[in-house]
Amino acid sequence: MTDNSSEGLGNKSAWSMKLPDFKKEDNPNGLIEESSFATLFPKYREKYLRECWPLVQKVVGEHELKAELDVIEGSMTVTTTRKTWDPYIILKARDMIKLLARSVPFEQAIKVLQDDIACEIIRIGGLVRNKERFTKRRQRLIGPNGTTLKAIELLTNCYIVVQGNTVSAVGPYKGLQHARNIVIDTMNNIHPIYNIKKMMIKRELAKDEALKNENWERFLPKFESKTLSKRKQPLKKKQKKEYTPFPPSQPQSKIDKELETGEYFLKEEERKAKRKQEKSKKQQEMDLVREEKRNKSFIPPVEPEKKKQTVDNSVDINKLKKKVNNMKKKVKSK
């Protein structure tokens, strides 16, 4: 069925229901225990974090939280205070500092503190083993001049950053689901354009009142994998023999072979004499082969016969007369 259908809610969807705001009046006594979360950040983010840290402290202070930046250890820490009244805000603040460490700008990272906005850091490093293939698929997700990533952002209403071995996404819960599916499919060699097409069709179908609660499978494009096996084929392929239910005949033993030739009934001396005779016969054959090989170099090669040129002694008298007359005319003219 469609994404906006759910059981037990009638026509209303769980995704469309608004979350009630958690106010200070709901928890006037605050929290009993203090909680803290810390995360490390890379060296190249230090300059940016130093600049925006006063803003981070101000935003976090609105929710009665403390934020600390340790440049020596390269870590960020968020801690609750005795005045903190929202028990879940510390987890939101933890997500915020994680996003800041993963190159998400401050303006986008603070959105996580809202109730209807969440974040997800998708690890893509272990999905593809080959480094070159991984780089190509990651670039496919970004697209030329970041156009593919922008299209995904517009369709999912999420802010997405591709950084190293992770993809960070900030947005509504439903959008994060779609963004995660697109990222994982792309790393599994399914082009993001297929998922983008699906999402565009779903968006148009959701607007149509007649098709809103129907099955959309017939409208969605189906992706068929066309990857061919690149396994090396053997040079000599063994042909399979025809199947027979009967087992192959048992090979003959040494005694069976001797019985067949009649050697079994001979005495030991006669057997030895026969073997010696066979050995000498083989030796003579081998000697002949060796002799032929040795004499091969002394045999002169066959010289090709030269064809004798036949000279035609017959003279054409008429031609000769004409030639003589021409010579005479030339002499007179001089």
Protein backbone atom coordinates (compact mmCIF):
# COMPACT_ATOMS: atom_id res chain seq x y z
CA MET A 1 0.00 0.00 0.00
CA THR A 2 0.98 3.65 -0.02
CA ASP A 3 3.35 5.19 2.49
CA ASN A 4 0.62 7.35 3.98
CA SER A 5 -1.67 4.48 4.96
CA SER A 6 -1.76 3.08 8.53
CA GLU A 7 -3.96 0.75 10.50
CA GLY A 8 -6.07 1.94 13.40
CA LEU A 9 -5.80 5.63 12.50
CA GLY A 10 -8.55 5.86 9.87
CA ASN A 11 -7.59 8.36 7.18
CA LYS A 12 -4.97 9.98 9.42
CA SER A 13 -1.33 8.92 9.07
CA ALA A 14 1.13 8.56 11.93
CA TRP A 15 3.59 10.67 9.92
CA SER A 16 1.14 13.55 9.55
CA MET A 17 0.31 13.70 13.28
CA LYS A 18 1.90 16.65 15.06
CA LEU A 19 4.08 15.90 18.08
CA PRO A 20 2.99 17.75 21.26
CA ASP A 21 5.52 20.28 22.55
CA PHE A 22 7.35 19.42 25.76
CA LYS A 23 7.35 22.55 27.95
CA LYS A 24 9.07 23.55 31.18
CA GLU A 25 5.76 23.20 33.05
CA ASP A 26 5.68 19.48 32.20
CA ASN A 27 8.79 18.87 34.32
CA PRO A 28 9.11 21.65 36.94
CA ASN A 29 11.49 19.67 39.23
CA GLY A 30 14.17 19.17 36.56
CA LEU A 31 16.56 16.22 36.36
CA ILE A 32 18.10 14.37 39.33
CA GLU A 33 21.28 13.05 37.66
CA GLU A 34 23.72 14.86 35.39
CA SER A 35 24.43 13.31 31.96
CA SER A 36 27.19 14.14 29.48
CA PHE A 37 28.24 13.11 25.99
CA ALA A 38 31.55 13.75 24.27
CA THR A 39 32.72 13.31 20.69
CA LEU A 40 36.07 13.76 18.93
CA PHE A 41 36.54 16.03 15.91
CA PRO A 42 39.24 16.06 13.19
CA LYS A 43 42.04 18.66 13.18
CA TYR A 44 40.74 20.47 10.07
CA ARG A 45 37.45 21.33 11.89
CA GLU A 46 39.22 23.11 14.78
CA LYS A 47 39.29 26.58 13.17
CA TYR A 48 35.58 26.50 12.26
CA LEU A 49 34.53 25.19 15.68
CA ARG A 50 36.55 27.91 17.47
CA GLU A 51 34.67 30.54 15.45
CA CYS A 52 31.15 29.17 15.97
CA TRP A 53 31.53 27.83 19.54
CA PRO A 54 30.10 30.97 21.28
CA LEU A 55 26.97 30.51 19.13
CA VAL A 56 26.81 26.80 20.10
CA GLN A 57 27.03 27.71 23.80
CA LYS A 58 24.28 30.31 23.38
CA VAL A 59 21.89 27.85 21.64
CA VAL A 60 22.64 25.07 24.14
CA GLY A 61 22.26 27.52 27.05
CA GLU A 62 18.64 28.18 26.02
CA HIS A 63 17.92 24.54 26.99
CA GLU A 64 19.93 24.83 30.23
CA LEU A 65 22.86 22.75 28.94
CA LYS A 66 26.63 23.29 29.08
CA ALA A 67 28.98 22.88 26.10
CA GLU A 68 32.78 22.58 26.31
CA LEU A 69 35.40 22.57 23.54
CA ASP A 70 38.72 20.88 24.30
CA VAL A 71 41.18 21.82 21.54
CA ILE A 72 44.12 19.92 23.11
CA GLU A 73 42.30 16.54 23.13
CA GLY A 74 40.18 17.46 20.08
CA SER A 75 36.82 16.79 21.71
CA MET A 76 33.42 18.44 22.27
CA THR A 77 31.31 17.76 25.37
CA VAL A 78 27.67 18.57 26.24
CA THR A 79 26.44 18.23 29.83
CA THR A 80 23.09 18.65 31.60
CA THR A 81 22.71 20.97 34.61
CA ARG A 82 20.39 20.98 37.64
CA LYS A 83 18.17 23.46 35.77
CA THR A 84 17.70 21.19 32.68
CA TRP A 85 14.00 20.30 32.40
CA ASP A 86 13.86 18.38 29.06
CA PRO A 87 15.25 14.83 29.55
CA TYR A 88 15.62 14.16 25.79
CA ILE A 89 17.45 17.40 24.88
CA ILE A 90 20.82 15.94 25.91
CA LEU A 91 20.49 13.28 23.17
CA LYS A 92 19.61 15.99 20.67
CA ALA A 93 22.67 17.99 21.76
CA ARG A 94 24.83 14.86 21.36
CA ASP A 95 23.59 14.53 17.76
CA MET A 96 24.35 18.19 17.16
CA ILE A 97 28.03 17.92 18.19
CA LYS A 98 28.35 14.73 16.10
CA LEU A 99 27.11 16.63 13.06
CA LEU A 100 29.50 19.51 13.73
CA ALA A 101 32.37 16.98 13.79
CA ARG A 102 31.19 15.54 10.44
CA SER A 103 31.51 18.89 8.55
CA VAL A 104 27.83 19.91 8.86
CA PRO A 105 27.57 23.73 9.18
CA PHE A 106 26.32 25.22 12.47
CA GLU A 107 23.14 26.64 10.86
CA GLN A 108 22.02 23.14 9.81
CA ALA A 109 23.27 21.27 12.90
CA ILE A 110 21.18 23.34 15.37
CA LYS A 111 17.99 22.23 13.59
CA VAL A 112 18.38 18.84 15.34
CA LEU A 113 17.34 20.46 18.62
CA GLN A 114 13.80 20.79 17.21
CA ASP A 115 11.32 18.02 18.13
CA ASP A 116 10.24 17.18 14.57
CA ILE A 117 13.81 17.15 13.16
CA ALA A 118 16.31 14.31 13.56
CA CYS A 119 19.65 13.33 12.09
CA GLU A 120 21.39 10.22 10.82
CA ILE A 121 25.04 9.48 10.12
CA ILE A 122 25.16 6.68 7.55
CA ARG A 123 28.43 4.74 7.42
CA ILE A 124 29.22 3.81 3.81
CA GLY A 125 32.90 2.83 4.22
CA GLY A 126 32.25 -0.89 4.73
CA LEU A 127 29.62 -1.31 1.98
CA VAL A 128 32.13 -1.49 -0.91
CA ARG A 129 35.49 -3.30 -0.58
CA ASN A 130 37.23 -1.96 -3.68
CA LYS A 131 38.53 1.57 -2.99
CA GLU A 132 38.27 2.76 -6.62
CA ARG A 133 34.70 1.42 -6.93
CA PHE A 134 33.77 3.06 -3.61
CA THR A 135 35.03 6.46 -4.83
CA LYS A 136 33.05 6.17 -8.10
CA ARG A 137 29.80 5.25 -6.33
CA ARG A 138 30.23 8.02 -3.77
CA GLN A 139 30.75 10.50 -6.63
CA ARG A 140 27.62 9.10 -8.33
CA LEU A 141 25.66 9.99 -5.18
CA ILE A 142 26.92 13.59 -5.34
CA GLY A 143 26.45 13.89 -9.11
CA PRO A 144 27.94 16.46 -11.53
CA ASN A 145 28.36 19.75 -9.61
CA GLY A 146 26.30 18.29 -6.76
CA THR A 147 23.06 18.17 -8.81
CA THR A 148 22.04 14.62 -7.75
CA LEU A 149 22.57 15.44 -4.07
CA LYS A 150 20.53 18.64 -4.47
CA ALA A 151 17.67 16.68 -6.07
CA ILE A 152 17.67 14.21 -3.14
CA GLU A 153 17.66 17.12 -0.68
CA LEU A 154 14.65 18.72 -2.40
CA LEU A 155 12.65 15.47 -2.45
CA THR A 156 13.46 14.38 1.12
CA ASN A 157 13.50 17.88 2.73
CA CYS A 158 16.83 16.91 4.32
CA TYR A 159 20.25 18.56 4.39
CA ILE A 160 22.84 15.97 3.27
CA VAL A 161 26.64 16.12 3.53
CA VAL A 162 28.93 13.46 2.03
CA GLN A 163 32.21 13.45 3.97
CA GLY A 164 34.82 10.69 3.82
CA ASN A 165 33.29 7.33 4.80
CA THR A 166 30.02 8.80 6.12
CA VAL A 167 26.90 10.56 4.84
CA SER A 168 25.28 12.94 7.33
CA ALA A 169 21.59 13.83 6.93
CA VAL A 170 19.45 16.31 8.89
CA GLY A 171 15.69 16.55 8.38
CA PRO A 172 12.26 15.12 9.22
CA TYR A 173 11.97 11.44 10.18
CA LYS A 174 10.24 10.36 6.96
CA GLY A 175 12.79 12.18 4.81
CA LEU A 176 15.66 10.50 6.66
CA GLN A 177 14.17 7.08 5.86
CA HIS A 178 14.15 7.87 2.13
CA ALA A 179 17.62 9.45 2.25
CA ARG A 180 19.09 6.36 3.94
CA ASN A 181 17.52 4.00 1.38
CA ILE A 182 18.87 6.08 -1.53
CA VAL A 183 22.41 6.20 -0.06
CA ILE A 184 22.56 2.44 0.64
CA ASP A 185 21.09 1.56 -2.78
CA THR A 186 23.66 3.81 -4.49
CA MET A 187 26.52 2.09 -2.69
CA ASN A 188 24.99 -1.27 -3.73
CA ASN A 189 25.29 -0.21 -7.41
CA ILE A 190 21.73 1.06 -7.97
CA HIS A 191 21.82 4.50 -9.58
CA PRO A 192 20.13 7.22 -7.47
CA ILE A 193 18.10 8.37 -10.50
CA TYR A 194 15.80 5.32 -10.10
CA ASN A 195 14.94 6.23 -6.50
CA ILE A 196 14.56 9.91 -7.44
CA LYS A 197 12.07 8.93 -10.18
CA LYS A 198 10.13 6.76 -7.71
CA MET A 199 9.90 9.57 -5.18
CA MET A 200 8.72 12.07 -7.81
CA ILE A 201 5.98 9.67 -8.98
CA LYS A 202 4.90 9.02 -5.36
CA ARG A 203 4.70 12.76 -4.71
CA GLU A 204 2.41 13.27 -7.72
CA LEU A 205 0.23 10.25 -6.81
CA ALA A 206 -0.18 11.52 -3.24
CA LYS A 207 -1.77 14.70 -4.62
CA ASP A 208 -4.41 12.71 -6.56
CA GLU A 209 -7.44 12.08 -4.31
CA ALA A 210 -8.63 9.06 -6.36
CA LEU A 211 -5.28 7.23 -6.17
CA LYS A 212 -4.29 8.40 -2.68
CA ASN A 213 -5.25 5.18 -0.86
CA GLU A 214 -4.59 2.67 -3.68
CA ASN A 215 -1.65 0.42 -4.45
CA TRP A 216 1.04 2.34 -6.35
CA GLU A 217 3.16 -0.62 -7.49
CA ARG A 218 1.88 -0.51 -11.08
CA PHE A 219 2.99 3.13 -11.48
CA LEU A 220 6.50 2.75 -10.09
CA PRO A 221 9.46 1.86 -12.35
CA LYS A 222 11.08 -1.52 -11.72
CA PHE A 223 14.85 -1.74 -11.65
CA GLU A 224 16.42 -4.88 -13.09
CA SER A 225 20.09 -5.53 -12.41
CA LYS A 226 22.06 -6.14 -15.62
CA THR A 227 25.44 -6.88 -14.07
CA LEU A 228 27.08 -9.78 -15.86
CA SER A 229 29.39 -12.27 -14.18
CA LYS A 230 33.02 -11.40 -14.87
CA ARG A 231 34.35 -14.77 -13.66
CA LYS A 232 37.24 -16.07 -15.73
CA GLN A 233 36.20 -18.90 -18.03
CA PRO A 234 38.47 -21.98 -18.24
CA LEU A 235 40.42 -22.56 -21.47
CA LYS A 236 39.23 -26.17 -21.77
CA LYS A 237 35.68 -26.79 -20.73
CA LYS A 238 34.93 -30.32 -19.63
CA GLN A 239 31.89 -31.76 -21.32
CA LYS A 240 29.51 -33.46 -18.97
CA LYS A 241 28.89 -37.11 -19.71
CA GLU A 242 25.40 -38.43 -20.16
CA TYR A 243 23.78 -39.48 -16.94
CA THR A 244 23.46 -43.24 -16.42
CA PRO A 245 21.92 -44.81 -13.32
CA PHE A 246 24.42 -47.71 -13.46
CA PRO A 247 27.85 -47.38 -11.85
CA PRO A 248 30.98 -47.60 -14.07
CA SER A 249 32.57 -51.01 -14.61
CA GLN A 250 35.25 -51.99 -12.11
CA PRO A 251 38.83 -51.61 -13.42
CA GLN A 252 40.75 -54.84 -14.07
CA SER A 253 43.18 -56.00 -11.43
CA LYS A 254 46.72 -57.25 -12.18
CA ILE A 255 45.60 -60.90 -11.87
CA ASP A 256 42.67 -60.30 -14.28
CA LYS A 257 45.05 -58.87 -16.88
CA GLU A 258 47.43 -61.83 -16.46
CA LEU A 259 44.55 -64.29 -16.83
CA GLU A 260 43.42 -62.52 -20.00
CA THR A 261 46.85 -62.73 -21.65
CA GLY A 262 47.56 -66.23 -20.28
CA GLU A 263 50.62 -65.01 -18.37
CA TYR A 264 49.10 -66.20 -15.09
CA PHE A 265 49.59 -69.86 -16.02
CA LEU A 266 53.28 -69.48 -16.97
CA LYS A 267 56.11 -70.41 -14.66
CA GLU A 268 58.25 -67.71 -13.01
CA GLU A 269 61.23 -68.37 -15.34
CA GLU A 270 59.00 -68.20 -18.42
CA ARG A 271 57.52 -64.91 -17.19
CA LYS A 272 60.97 -63.42 -16.71
CA ALA A 273 62.02 -64.58 -20.18
CA LYS A 274 58.90 -63.04 -21.73
CA ARG A 275 59.47 -59.70 -19.94
CA LYS A 276 63.12 -59.70 -21.04
CA GLN A 277 62.07 -60.34 -24.65
CA GLU A 278 59.54 -57.48 -24.53
CA LYS A 279 62.15 -55.18 -23.00
CA SER A 280 64.74 -55.98 -25.69
CA LYS A 281 62.12 -55.46 -28.42
CA LYS A 282 61.28 -52.01 -27.05
CA GLN A 283 64.96 -51.20 -26.79
CA GLN A 284 65.52 -52.10 -30.45
CA GLU A 285 62.65 -49.84 -31.50
CA MET A 286 64.07 -46.96 -29.47
CA ASP A 287 67.54 -47.53 -30.98
CA LEU A 288 66.07 -47.27 -34.49
CA VAL A 289 64.32 -43.99 -33.59
CA ARG A 290 67.56 -42.57 -32.14
CA GLU A 291 69.54 -43.67 -35.24
CA GLU A 292 67.04 -41.95 -37.54
CA LYS A 293 67.34 -38.77 -35.47
CA ARG A 294 71.14 -38.81 -35.69
CA ASN A 295 71.19 -39.46 -39.46
CA LYS A 296 68.65 -36.73 -40.16
CA SER A 297 71.31 -34.01 -40.07
CA PHE A 298 73.49 -35.85 -42.64
CA ILE A 299 70.74 -36.19 -45.27
CA PRO A 300 71.25 -33.45 -47.92
CA PRO A 301 68.26 -31.20 -48.60
CA VAL A 302 66.41 -31.53 -51.90
CA GLU A 303 67.54 -28.75 -54.22
CA PRO A 304 64.86 -27.05 -56.28
CA GLU A 305 65.08 -27.69 -60.04
CA LYS A 306 65.96 -24.65 -62.15
CA LYS A 307 63.72 -24.07 -65.11
CA LYS A 308 65.60 -23.68 -68.40
CA GLN A 309 64.69 -20.56 -70.35
CA THR A 310 63.68 -21.41 -73.91
CA VAL A 311 64.99 -18.93 -76.51
CA ASP A 312 62.78 -18.32 -79.49
CA ASN A 313 65.09 -18.34 -82.59
CA SER A 314 62.34 -17.76 -85.15
CA VAL A 315 62.62 -14.28 -86.85
CA ASP A 316 59.71 -12.35 -88.30
CA ILE A 317 60.93 -11.31 -91.81
CA ASN A 318 58.24 -8.66 -92.39
CA LYS A 319 59.10 -6.83 -89.19
CA LEU A 320 62.79 -6.96 -90.03
CA LYS A 321 62.15 -5.48 -93.52
CA LYS A 322 60.16 -2.61 -92.05
CA LYS A 323 62.91 -1.89 -89.55
CA VAL A 324 65.62 -1.78 -92.30
CA ASN A 325 63.49 0.53 -94.50
CA ASN A 326 62.94 2.90 -91.57
CA MET A 327 66.70 3.03 -90.92
CA LYS A 328 67.39 3.85 -94.59
CA LYS A 329 64.86 6.69 -94.60
CA LYS A 330 66.45 8.21 -91.51
CA VAL A 331 69.95 8.09 -93.13
CA LYS A 332 68.68 9.78 -96.37
CA SER A 333 66.96 12.56 -94.48
CA LYS A 334 70.21 13.42 -92.74
